[in-house]
N, C-alpha and C. Protein backbone atom coordinates (compact mmCIF):
# COMPACT_ATOMS: atom_id res chain seq x y z
N MET A 1 104.39 -167.09 132.18
CA MET A 1 103.89 -166.69 130.28
C MET A 1 105.00 -167.77 129.31
N GLU A 2 104.39 -168.36 128.71
CA GLU A 2 104.72 -168.98 127.51
C GLU A 2 106.12 -169.01 126.51
N PRO A 3 107.52 -169.62 127.07
CA PRO A 3 107.93 -169.28 126.11
C PRO A 3 108.13 -168.42 124.42
N GLU A 4 107.33 -168.92 123.96
CA GLU A 4 107.35 -167.82 122.59
C GLU A 4 107.13 -166.74 123.17
N LYS A 5 105.32 -166.33 123.70
CA LYS A 5 105.39 -164.96 124.05
C LYS A 5 106.27 -164.80 124.77
N ASN A 6 107.38 -164.44 125.39
CA ASN A 6 108.17 -163.96 125.97
C ASN A 6 109.37 -163.62 124.91
N THR A 7 109.45 -164.68 123.88
CA THR A 7 110.35 -164.60 122.93
C THR A 7 109.59 -163.33 122.18
N LEU A 8 108.71 -162.97 121.11
CA LEU A 8 107.94 -162.38 121.37
C LEU A 8 107.47 -160.71 121.98
N LEU A 9 107.67 -161.04 123.34
CA LEU A 9 107.69 -159.85 124.07
C LEU A 9 109.17 -159.55 123.52
N LEU A 10 109.90 -159.57 124.24
CA LEU A 10 111.45 -159.76 123.74
C LEU A 10 111.59 -158.87 122.52
N VAL A 11 111.38 -159.91 121.86
CA VAL A 11 111.80 -159.07 120.08
C VAL A 11 111.15 -157.84 119.70
N CYS A 12 109.93 -157.19 120.37
CA CYS A 12 109.16 -156.33 120.20
C CYS A 12 109.81 -155.17 120.52
N ILE A 13 110.17 -155.63 122.44
CA ILE A 13 110.81 -154.54 123.02
C ILE A 13 112.78 -153.93 122.08
N GLY A 14 112.92 -155.21 121.73
CA GLY A 14 114.24 -154.78 121.27
C GLY A 14 113.70 -153.81 119.62
N ILE A 15 112.98 -154.44 118.92
CA ILE A 15 113.06 -153.53 118.19
C ILE A 15 112.23 -151.95 118.01
N SER A 16 111.62 -151.86 119.63
CA SER A 16 111.27 -150.62 120.01
C SER A 16 112.23 -149.42 120.13
N ILE A 17 113.21 -150.12 121.32
CA ILE A 17 114.46 -149.98 121.69
C ILE A 17 115.78 -149.27 120.05
N LEU A 18 115.41 -150.14 119.35
CA LEU A 18 116.30 -149.46 118.14
C LEU A 18 115.66 -149.14 117.62
N GLY A 19 114.31 -148.64 117.13
CA GLY A 19 113.68 -147.76 116.46
C GLY A 19 113.66 -146.38 117.11
N LEU A 20 113.87 -145.88 118.28
CA LEU A 20 113.98 -145.48 119.40
C LEU A 20 115.70 -144.66 119.37
N ILE A 21 116.43 -145.41 119.29
CA ILE A 21 118.05 -145.22 119.06
C ILE A 21 118.48 -144.64 117.63
N LEU A 22 117.36 -145.21 116.48
CA LEU A 22 117.78 -144.74 114.92
C LEU A 22 117.06 -143.25 115.08
N PHE A 23 115.70 -142.83 115.16
CA PHE A 23 115.24 -141.78 115.50
C PHE A 23 115.92 -141.02 116.36
N ALA A 24 116.51 -141.33 117.31
CA ALA A 24 117.58 -140.24 118.28
C ALA A 24 118.64 -140.22 117.44
N ASN A 25 119.67 -140.72 116.82
CA ASN A 25 120.43 -140.43 116.21
C ASN A 25 120.01 -139.51 114.73
N PHE A 26 119.16 -140.30 113.77
CA PHE A 26 118.85 -139.06 112.83
C PHE A 26 117.44 -138.47 112.03
N ALA A 27 116.53 -138.95 113.09
CA ALA A 27 115.26 -138.02 112.31
C ALA A 27 115.16 -136.73 112.99
N MET A 28 115.17 -136.74 114.61
CA MET A 28 115.27 -135.49 114.58
C MET A 28 113.72 -134.62 114.40
N TRP A 29 112.23 -135.63 114.05
CA TRP A 29 111.49 -134.65 113.42
C TRP A 29 110.69 -133.58 115.24
N PHE A 30 110.57 -132.91 114.34
CA PHE A 30 109.55 -131.62 114.81
C PHE A 30 107.91 -132.20 115.47
N GLY A 31 108.12 -131.82 117.17
CA GLY A 31 106.36 -132.14 117.34
C GLY A 31 105.67 -131.96 116.67
N LEU A 32 104.42 -132.21 116.75
CA LEU A 32 103.34 -132.06 116.03
C LEU A 32 102.43 -131.37 116.38
N GLY A 33 101.73 -130.57 115.71
CA GLY A 33 100.30 -129.42 116.44
C GLY A 33 99.13 -129.94 116.48
N ILE A 34 98.73 -130.80 117.81
CA ILE A 34 97.55 -131.42 117.50
C ILE A 34 96.48 -130.57 118.85
N SER A 35 95.79 -130.51 117.59
CA SER A 35 94.76 -129.69 118.78
C SER A 35 93.08 -130.40 118.84
N VAL A 36 92.81 -129.87 119.99
CA VAL A 36 91.91 -130.56 120.73
C VAL A 36 90.79 -129.37 121.30
N ASN A 37 89.62 -129.81 120.17
CA ASN A 37 88.40 -128.84 121.29
C ASN A 37 87.60 -130.35 121.92
N PRO A 38 87.58 -129.96 122.99
CA PRO A 38 86.23 -130.77 123.86
C PRO A 38 85.05 -130.94 123.67
N GLN A 39 85.11 -129.85 123.08
CA GLN A 39 83.07 -129.60 122.37
C GLN A 39 83.08 -130.20 121.23
N THR A 40 84.00 -130.68 120.02
CA THR A 40 84.32 -130.95 119.22
C THR A 40 84.54 -132.73 119.07
N VAL A 41 85.28 -133.22 120.29
CA VAL A 41 85.91 -134.69 120.21
C VAL A 41 84.68 -135.81 120.09
N ALA A 42 83.79 -136.05 120.18
CA ALA A 42 82.45 -137.08 119.95
C ALA A 42 82.27 -136.65 118.70
N ASN A 43 82.27 -135.80 118.11
CA ASN A 43 81.78 -135.41 116.88
C ASN A 43 82.84 -135.98 115.29
N ILE A 44 84.23 -135.87 116.24
CA ILE A 44 85.32 -135.68 115.46
C ILE A 44 85.93 -137.70 115.50
N LEU A 45 86.11 -138.16 116.46
CA LEU A 45 85.46 -139.87 116.66
C LEU A 45 84.27 -140.51 116.27
N ALA A 46 83.48 -139.68 115.77
CA ALA A 46 82.25 -140.28 115.64
C ALA A 46 81.96 -141.61 113.76
N PRO A 47 82.89 -141.49 113.31
CA PRO A 47 82.85 -141.99 112.04
C PRO A 47 83.73 -143.30 112.82
N LEU A 48 84.93 -143.03 113.63
CA LEU A 48 85.95 -144.32 114.12
C LEU A 48 84.78 -144.94 114.36
N LEU A 49 83.74 -144.60 115.65
CA LEU A 49 82.97 -145.18 116.45
C LEU A 49 82.04 -145.91 115.44
N LEU A 50 81.59 -145.25 114.39
CA LEU A 50 80.72 -145.88 113.51
C LEU A 50 81.24 -147.19 112.70
N ALA A 51 82.09 -146.69 112.35
CA ALA A 51 82.94 -147.92 111.98
C ALA A 51 83.24 -149.04 112.51
N SER A 52 83.76 -149.20 113.52
CA SER A 52 84.03 -150.19 114.83
C SER A 52 82.35 -151.11 114.77
N GLY A 53 81.53 -150.69 114.83
CA GLY A 53 80.19 -150.53 115.35
C GLY A 53 79.86 -151.82 113.89
N PHE A 54 80.29 -150.98 112.82
CA PHE A 54 80.12 -151.99 111.74
C PHE A 54 81.14 -153.41 111.75
N ILE A 55 82.02 -153.06 111.79
CA ILE A 55 82.89 -154.37 112.39
C ILE A 55 82.92 -154.96 112.63
N GLU A 56 82.16 -154.77 114.00
CA GLU A 56 81.43 -155.43 115.33
C GLU A 56 81.03 -156.56 114.56
N ARG A 57 79.76 -155.80 113.62
CA ARG A 57 78.50 -156.43 112.93
C ARG A 57 79.00 -157.61 112.32
N ALA A 58 80.05 -157.24 111.66
CA ALA A 58 80.47 -157.22 110.23
C ALA A 58 81.15 -158.81 110.75
N VAL A 59 82.28 -158.53 111.78
CA VAL A 59 82.62 -159.99 111.51
C VAL A 59 82.30 -161.02 112.60
N GLU A 60 80.75 -160.84 113.66
CA GLU A 60 80.38 -161.26 113.99
C GLU A 60 79.46 -162.33 112.91
N VAL A 61 78.87 -161.88 111.80
CA VAL A 61 78.29 -162.78 111.17
C VAL A 61 79.43 -163.25 109.81
N VAL A 62 80.59 -163.17 109.67
CA VAL A 62 81.85 -164.29 108.92
C VAL A 62 81.73 -164.91 109.79
N ILE A 63 82.05 -164.80 111.06
CA ILE A 63 82.59 -166.22 112.23
C ILE A 63 81.38 -167.32 113.07
N THR A 64 80.01 -165.72 112.97
CA THR A 64 79.26 -166.78 113.63
C THR A 64 78.97 -167.89 113.17
N PRO A 65 78.57 -168.41 111.79
CA PRO A 65 78.45 -169.95 110.77
C PRO A 65 79.31 -171.02 111.15
N TRP A 66 80.62 -170.79 110.75
CA TRP A 66 81.37 -171.26 111.49
C TRP A 66 81.88 -171.69 112.71
N ARG A 67 81.55 -170.72 113.80
CA ARG A 67 81.65 -171.14 115.06
C ARG A 67 80.94 -171.93 116.40
N ASN A 68 79.49 -171.21 115.16
CA ASN A 68 78.04 -172.20 116.04
C ASN A 68 78.17 -173.62 116.46
N PRO A 69 78.73 -174.20 114.74
CA PRO A 69 78.53 -175.58 114.96
C PRO A 69 79.70 -176.37 116.29
N GLY A 70 80.71 -176.02 116.31
CA GLY A 70 81.40 -176.41 117.08
C GLY A 70 80.75 -176.23 118.75
N TYR A 71 81.00 -175.17 118.79
CA TYR A 71 80.88 -174.27 120.44
C TYR A 71 78.59 -175.37 120.79
N ASN A 72 78.26 -175.35 120.07
CA ASN A 72 76.95 -175.59 120.64
C ASN A 72 77.46 -177.46 120.19
N LYS A 73 77.99 -177.86 119.90
CA LYS A 73 78.77 -179.36 120.19
C LYS A 73 78.69 -179.11 121.31
N LEU A 74 79.87 -178.53 121.98
CA LEU A 74 81.32 -178.85 123.16
C LEU A 74 79.80 -178.45 124.70
N GLN A 75 79.48 -177.48 124.04
CA GLN A 75 78.55 -176.81 124.97
C GLN A 75 77.47 -177.34 125.49
N ALA A 76 76.78 -178.52 124.64
CA ALA A 76 76.03 -180.04 124.58
C ALA A 76 76.47 -180.81 125.53
N VAL A 77 77.56 -181.13 124.94
CA VAL A 77 78.58 -182.55 125.64
C VAL A 77 79.09 -181.66 127.23
N LEU A 78 79.15 -180.62 127.79
CA LEU A 78 79.33 -179.96 129.07
C LEU A 78 78.20 -179.73 129.49
N THR A 79 77.15 -179.21 128.87
CA THR A 79 75.52 -179.77 130.07
C THR A 79 75.49 -181.41 130.25
N THR A 80 75.59 -182.36 128.83
CA THR A 80 75.42 -183.44 129.15
C THR A 80 76.06 -183.63 130.43
N VAL A 81 77.25 -183.85 130.96
CA VAL A 81 78.53 -184.13 131.78
C VAL A 81 77.62 -183.60 133.28
N ASN A 82 77.51 -182.21 132.63
CA ASN A 82 76.93 -181.34 134.27
C ASN A 82 75.80 -182.04 134.90
N ALA A 83 75.02 -182.97 133.62
CA ALA A 83 73.69 -183.28 134.15
C ALA A 83 74.21 -184.68 135.40
N ASN A 84 74.67 -185.33 134.16
CA ASN A 84 75.43 -186.81 134.62
C ASN A 84 75.71 -187.09 136.35
N ALA A 85 74.56 -187.37 136.82
CA ALA A 85 75.20 -187.49 138.79
C ALA A 85 76.62 -188.43 138.61
N ALA A 86 76.86 -189.08 137.25
CA ALA A 86 77.64 -190.37 137.73
C ALA A 86 78.99 -189.50 136.96
N ALA A 87 79.19 -187.95 136.67
CA ALA A 87 79.99 -187.78 135.75
C ALA A 87 81.23 -187.42 137.37
N THR A 88 82.65 -187.64 136.94
CA THR A 88 83.25 -187.24 138.11
C THR A 88 84.06 -185.57 137.47
N ALA A 89 84.62 -185.43 139.09
CA ALA A 89 85.37 -184.27 138.33
C ALA A 89 86.29 -183.54 137.02
N ASP A 90 86.85 -184.87 137.25
CA ASP A 90 87.94 -185.34 136.57
C ASP A 90 87.44 -184.37 134.58
N GLU A 91 86.38 -185.28 134.51
CA GLU A 91 85.70 -185.26 133.11
C GLU A 91 84.75 -183.78 133.28
N LYS A 92 84.24 -183.21 133.91
CA LYS A 92 83.56 -181.90 134.15
C LYS A 92 84.27 -181.08 134.24
N LYS A 93 85.58 -181.18 134.44
CA LYS A 93 86.74 -179.97 134.01
C LYS A 93 87.19 -179.98 132.81
N LYS A 94 87.16 -181.41 132.29
CA LYS A 94 87.51 -181.21 130.83
C LYS A 94 86.92 -180.73 129.73
N ALA A 95 85.52 -181.45 130.00
CA ALA A 95 84.42 -180.52 129.13
C ALA A 95 84.67 -179.18 128.79
N ASN A 96 84.41 -178.68 130.38
CA ASN A 96 84.98 -176.86 130.60
C ASN A 96 85.49 -176.57 129.76
N ASP A 97 87.06 -177.38 130.34
CA ASP A 97 88.02 -176.59 129.38
C ASP A 97 88.45 -176.84 127.59
N ASP A 98 87.87 -178.00 127.86
CA ASP A 98 86.92 -178.17 126.11
C ASP A 98 86.52 -176.78 125.36
N LEU A 99 85.36 -176.50 126.13
CA LEU A 99 84.57 -175.27 125.64
C LEU A 99 85.44 -174.02 125.62
N ASN A 100 85.88 -174.05 126.93
CA ASN A 100 86.85 -172.75 126.85
C ASN A 100 87.73 -172.56 125.83
N ALA A 101 88.53 -173.75 125.53
CA ALA A 101 89.74 -173.40 124.81
C ALA A 101 89.22 -173.20 123.00
N TYR A 102 88.10 -173.99 122.91
CA TYR A 102 87.52 -173.73 121.41
C TYR A 102 86.67 -172.23 121.15
N VAL A 103 86.29 -171.25 122.61
CA VAL A 103 85.63 -170.13 122.28
C VAL A 103 86.97 -168.96 122.73
N GLY A 104 88.02 -169.25 123.13
CA GLY A 104 89.41 -168.72 123.55
C GLY A 104 90.44 -168.98 121.48
N LYS A 105 89.46 -169.83 120.98
CA LYS A 105 90.34 -169.75 119.49
C LYS A 105 89.44 -169.39 118.98
N THR A 106 88.28 -169.32 119.02
CA THR A 106 87.66 -168.80 118.13
C THR A 106 87.37 -166.82 118.14
N THR A 107 88.13 -166.52 119.49
CA THR A 107 87.96 -165.41 119.99
C THR A 107 88.95 -164.83 119.29
N GLN A 108 90.36 -165.57 119.23
CA GLN A 108 91.83 -165.13 118.26
C GLN A 108 91.20 -165.22 116.47
N TYR A 109 90.04 -165.96 116.14
CA TYR A 109 90.41 -165.42 114.55
C TYR A 109 89.33 -164.53 114.42
N ALA A 110 88.23 -164.25 115.55
CA ALA A 110 87.58 -162.91 115.70
C ALA A 110 88.19 -161.95 115.57
N PHE A 111 89.20 -161.78 116.17
CA PHE A 111 89.78 -160.32 116.55
C PHE A 111 90.67 -160.09 115.15
N THR A 112 91.40 -161.84 115.14
CA THR A 112 92.55 -161.46 113.25
C THR A 112 91.21 -160.73 112.33
N ALA A 113 89.75 -161.23 112.53
CA ALA A 113 89.17 -161.33 110.95
C ALA A 113 88.74 -158.89 111.28
N ALA A 114 88.54 -159.12 113.19
CA ALA A 114 88.66 -157.10 113.22
C ALA A 114 89.38 -156.30 112.90
N VAL A 115 90.88 -156.79 112.97
CA VAL A 115 91.87 -156.14 112.75
C VAL A 115 91.59 -156.06 111.20
N MET A 116 91.58 -156.91 110.98
CA MET A 116 91.46 -157.22 108.83
C MET A 116 91.12 -155.96 108.08
N PHE A 117 90.29 -155.96 109.36
CA PHE A 117 88.70 -155.07 108.73
C PHE A 117 89.12 -153.54 109.20
N GLY A 118 89.94 -153.75 110.41
CA GLY A 118 89.98 -152.43 110.99
C GLY A 118 91.25 -151.49 110.01
N LEU A 119 92.19 -152.27 110.22
CA LEU A 119 93.19 -152.13 108.72
C LEU A 119 92.99 -151.67 107.42
N VAL A 120 91.74 -152.22 107.06
CA VAL A 120 91.30 -151.78 105.97
C VAL A 120 90.37 -150.26 105.44
N ALA A 121 89.89 -149.89 106.63
CA ALA A 121 88.57 -149.19 107.13
C ALA A 121 90.29 -147.97 107.05
N ALA A 122 90.78 -148.23 108.32
CA ALA A 122 91.77 -147.18 108.30
C ALA A 122 92.90 -146.39 107.22
N MET A 123 92.99 -147.32 106.66
CA MET A 123 93.64 -147.51 105.58
C MET A 123 92.99 -146.82 104.24
N VAL A 124 91.79 -146.70 104.20
CA VAL A 124 90.46 -145.74 102.82
C VAL A 124 90.65 -144.41 104.07
N GLY A 125 90.79 -144.07 105.24
CA GLY A 125 90.72 -142.86 105.45
C GLY A 125 90.12 -142.83 107.09
N VAL A 126 88.88 -143.49 107.49
CA VAL A 126 88.87 -143.87 108.55
C VAL A 126 89.43 -143.90 109.73
N ARG A 127 90.24 -142.01 110.50
CA ARG A 127 91.44 -142.47 111.50
C ARG A 127 91.48 -141.82 112.39
N ALA A 128 91.83 -142.17 113.89
CA ALA A 128 92.03 -141.49 114.85
C ALA A 128 92.88 -140.14 114.79
N LEU A 129 94.08 -140.29 114.84
CA LEU A 129 94.93 -139.07 115.39
C LEU A 129 94.95 -137.67 114.38
N TRP A 130 94.33 -138.54 112.89
CA TRP A 130 94.78 -136.83 111.97
C TRP A 130 93.65 -135.96 111.95
N PRO A 131 92.23 -136.04 112.52
CA PRO A 131 91.15 -135.29 112.34
C PRO A 131 91.68 -134.28 113.55
N PHE A 132 92.99 -134.41 114.38
CA PHE A 132 92.61 -133.54 115.39
C PHE A 132 94.55 -132.97 115.25
N LEU A 133 94.85 -132.88 113.73
CA LEU A 133 96.05 -131.88 113.34
C LEU A 133 95.65 -131.18 113.40
N ASN A 134 96.50 -129.94 113.53
CA ASN A 134 96.39 -128.72 112.75
C ASN A 134 96.44 -128.01 111.79
N GLN A 135 96.14 -127.26 111.53
CA GLN A 135 97.05 -126.80 110.28
C GLN A 135 97.96 -126.09 109.85
N ASN A 136 98.69 -126.14 110.37
CA ASN A 136 100.24 -125.88 110.75
C ASN A 136 100.59 -126.72 110.50
N ALA A 137 100.25 -128.37 111.16
CA ALA A 137 101.31 -129.40 111.13
C ALA A 137 100.85 -130.05 109.71
N ILE A 138 99.68 -130.48 108.90
CA ILE A 138 99.09 -130.21 108.09
C ILE A 138 100.28 -129.65 107.09
N SER A 139 100.06 -128.15 107.00
CA SER A 139 101.20 -127.17 106.51
C SER A 139 102.49 -127.82 106.53
N TYR A 140 103.20 -128.11 107.39
CA TYR A 140 104.33 -129.18 107.76
C TYR A 140 104.56 -130.32 106.85
N PHE A 141 103.55 -130.96 106.93
CA PHE A 141 103.14 -131.88 106.31
C PHE A 141 103.43 -132.22 104.57
N ALA A 142 103.15 -130.95 104.19
CA ALA A 142 102.99 -130.61 102.86
C ALA A 142 104.83 -130.47 102.03
N SER A 143 105.76 -130.00 103.10
CA SER A 143 106.67 -129.94 102.63
C SER A 143 107.74 -131.21 102.44
N PRO A 144 108.37 -130.74 101.31
CA PRO A 144 109.67 -132.67 101.33
C PRO A 144 110.38 -132.72 102.02
N ALA A 145 110.71 -132.34 102.86
CA ALA A 145 111.67 -132.49 103.79
C ALA A 145 110.70 -132.68 105.01
N ALA A 146 109.77 -133.51 105.45
CA ALA A 146 108.28 -133.47 106.29
C ALA A 146 108.21 -135.23 105.50
N SER A 147 108.77 -134.89 104.41
CA SER A 147 107.58 -137.06 103.73
C SER A 147 107.87 -137.86 104.66
N ALA A 148 109.26 -137.71 105.30
CA ALA A 148 109.27 -139.66 106.63
C ALA A 148 108.81 -139.27 107.38
N GLN A 149 108.63 -137.98 107.99
CA GLN A 149 107.72 -137.95 108.99
C GLN A 149 106.16 -138.16 108.89
N LYS A 150 105.64 -137.45 107.34
CA LYS A 150 104.03 -137.68 107.21
C LYS A 150 103.71 -139.17 107.16
N ASN A 151 104.90 -139.49 106.42
CA ASN A 151 104.36 -141.26 105.81
C ASN A 151 104.58 -142.34 107.57
N THR A 152 105.75 -141.62 108.31
CA THR A 152 105.76 -142.63 109.51
C THR A 152 104.21 -142.44 110.52
N PHE A 153 104.08 -141.23 110.44
CA PHE A 153 102.58 -140.37 111.30
C PHE A 153 102.16 -141.25 110.56
N ILE A 154 101.29 -141.77 108.98
CA ILE A 154 100.17 -141.99 108.79
C ILE A 154 100.49 -143.96 108.87
N VAL A 155 101.64 -143.98 109.07
CA VAL A 155 101.85 -145.41 109.00
C VAL A 155 100.85 -146.60 110.39
N PHE A 156 101.75 -144.92 111.60
CA PHE A 156 100.82 -145.07 112.89
C PHE A 156 99.62 -145.05 112.80
N ASP A 157 99.19 -143.68 112.51
CA ASP A 157 97.97 -143.64 112.67
C ASP A 157 96.43 -144.63 112.00
N VAL A 158 97.03 -145.45 111.23
CA VAL A 158 96.19 -146.49 110.16
C VAL A 158 96.95 -147.99 111.04
N VAL A 159 97.61 -147.82 111.44
CA VAL A 159 97.85 -149.24 112.64
C VAL A 159 96.97 -148.66 113.97
N LEU A 160 97.61 -147.66 115.32
CA LEU A 160 96.91 -147.82 115.94
C LEU A 160 94.96 -147.30 115.99
N SER A 161 94.44 -146.37 114.89
CA SER A 161 92.83 -146.26 114.07
C SER A 161 92.26 -148.41 114.41
N ALA A 162 93.06 -148.93 113.29
CA ALA A 162 92.62 -150.59 113.40
C ALA A 162 92.95 -151.01 113.78
N ALA A 163 93.97 -150.80 115.03
CA ALA A 163 93.60 -151.56 116.90
C ALA A 163 91.99 -151.17 117.36
N LEU A 164 91.52 -149.74 117.01
CA LEU A 164 91.31 -148.98 117.83
C LEU A 164 90.14 -149.68 117.61
N MET A 165 89.43 -149.80 116.49
CA MET A 165 88.09 -150.24 115.75
C MET A 165 87.74 -151.92 115.95
N ALA A 166 89.36 -153.23 115.85
CA ALA A 166 89.34 -153.96 116.25
C ALA A 166 88.44 -154.44 118.00
N GLY A 167 89.16 -153.50 118.88
CA GLY A 167 88.61 -153.12 119.87
C GLY A 167 87.26 -153.00 120.28
N GLY A 168 86.46 -152.90 119.12
CA GLY A 168 84.90 -152.67 119.01
C GLY A 168 84.11 -151.29 119.44
N ALA A 169 83.44 -150.45 119.21
CA ALA A 169 82.59 -149.68 119.38
C ALA A 169 82.78 -149.52 120.99
N ASN A 170 82.39 -150.33 121.56
CA ASN A 170 82.01 -149.97 123.07
C ASN A 170 83.61 -148.93 123.64
N GLY A 171 84.95 -150.25 123.21
CA GLY A 171 85.97 -149.10 123.80
C GLY A 171 86.41 -147.93 123.14
N ILE A 172 86.15 -147.59 121.98
CA ILE A 172 85.81 -146.33 121.68
C ILE A 172 84.96 -145.23 122.23
N HIS A 173 83.97 -145.69 122.25
CA HIS A 173 82.51 -145.02 123.27
C HIS A 173 83.38 -144.90 124.40
N SER A 174 84.08 -145.58 125.13
CA SER A 174 84.33 -145.40 125.99
C SER A 174 86.00 -144.29 126.57
N VAL A 175 86.82 -143.82 125.42
CA VAL A 175 87.63 -143.11 125.46
C VAL A 175 86.87 -141.97 125.38
N VAL A 176 85.83 -142.03 124.65
CA VAL A 176 85.47 -140.84 123.77
C VAL A 176 84.80 -140.37 125.36
N THR A 177 83.81 -140.86 126.18
CA THR A 177 83.89 -140.31 126.85
C THR A 177 83.68 -139.42 128.22
N ALA A 178 85.39 -140.52 128.99
CA ALA A 178 86.45 -140.24 129.36
C ALA A 178 87.22 -139.02 129.00
N PHE A 179 87.00 -138.95 127.57
CA PHE A 179 88.01 -137.78 127.56
C PHE A 179 86.39 -136.26 127.77
N THR A 180 85.81 -137.03 127.21
CA THR A 180 84.97 -135.58 127.48
C THR A 180 84.58 -135.48 128.41
N SER A 181 84.30 -136.64 129.26
CA SER A 181 83.96 -136.09 131.31
C SER A 181 85.27 -135.36 131.93
N PHE A 182 86.42 -135.94 131.48
CA PHE A 182 87.62 -135.55 131.91
C PHE A 182 87.51 -133.60 132.13
N PHE A 183 87.88 -133.48 130.62
CA PHE A 183 87.51 -132.26 130.03
C PHE A 183 86.25 -130.88 130.73
N ASP A 184 85.20 -131.80 130.85
CA ASP A 184 83.40 -131.31 131.53
C ASP A 184 84.81 -130.69 132.28
N ALA A 185 84.47 -131.59 133.99
CA ALA A 185 84.93 -131.53 135.08
C ALA A 185 85.93 -130.64 135.40
N ASN A 186 86.77 -130.55 134.05
CA ASN A 186 88.24 -130.06 134.32
C ASN A 186 87.30 -128.13 133.92
N ALA A 187 86.37 -127.99 132.64
CA ALA A 187 85.71 -126.34 132.83
C ALA A 187 84.97 -126.29 134.16
N GLN A 188 84.48 -127.28 134.44
CA GLN A 188 83.45 -126.89 135.77
C GLN A 188 83.89 -126.41 136.93
N LYS A 189 85.49 -126.99 137.26
CA LYS A 189 86.66 -126.71 137.89
C LYS A 189 86.41 -125.26 137.73
N SER A 190 87.05 -124.96 136.77
CA SER A 190 87.48 -124.02 136.51
C SER A 190 86.42 -122.05 136.18
N GLN A 191 85.46 -122.48 135.72
CA GLN A 191 83.92 -121.91 136.03
C GLN A 191 83.58 -121.61 137.81
N ASN A 192 83.38 -122.81 138.40
CA ASN A 192 83.62 -122.76 139.76
C ASN A 192 85.38 -121.90 140.88
N SER A 193 85.62 -121.98 139.90
CA SER A 193 87.17 -120.77 140.65
C SER A 193 87.28 -119.44 140.09
N VAL A 194 86.45 -119.10 139.22
CA VAL A 194 86.18 -117.67 138.80
C VAL A 194 85.04 -117.08 138.83
N ASN A 195 83.67 -117.83 139.47
CA ASN A 195 82.81 -117.63 139.82
C ASN A 195 82.13 -118.05 141.53
N PRO A 196 82.92 -117.47 142.52
CA PRO A 196 83.04 -118.78 143.61
C PRO A 196 81.44 -118.42 144.28
């Protein structure tokens, strides 16, 4: 790992540890009741899945016009070098590395755009965790004593939702599928144990 990435990782770990220490000493918030009904998970997460699909398409529309000319140029160089019998292995490797570096850099830009779109979508209400809160948790959040916990929960939900949406519709679909498959398998096991 590169030194600056190690530094960033260490800073994140330090901030997380500091946050846990502050929480343990001062916040002492109650756990929230989250209700999960396996039959409704897909319906509850459908807006998140739909928004992810829209974000993927929007990012593609925004990024493609300025990414394609550079990609096409580097791809043409790679094709020419690979077709040239006189080209050395180093030349082929350099052409391939240049194309891969360009794709990697533009993928970072695309992800940044996706996170920005995801943050806006989450801020306006397309969220991952809020729909799963039960009525007791929502009532608890209405009390003045819970305002700090509510605000922290909302910020966390917005960041988590943005990250999920930035990851794309396939990622959320995989989560929903894994979740529903898990509960369906457990329900089947329970039914088989009751009715042998």
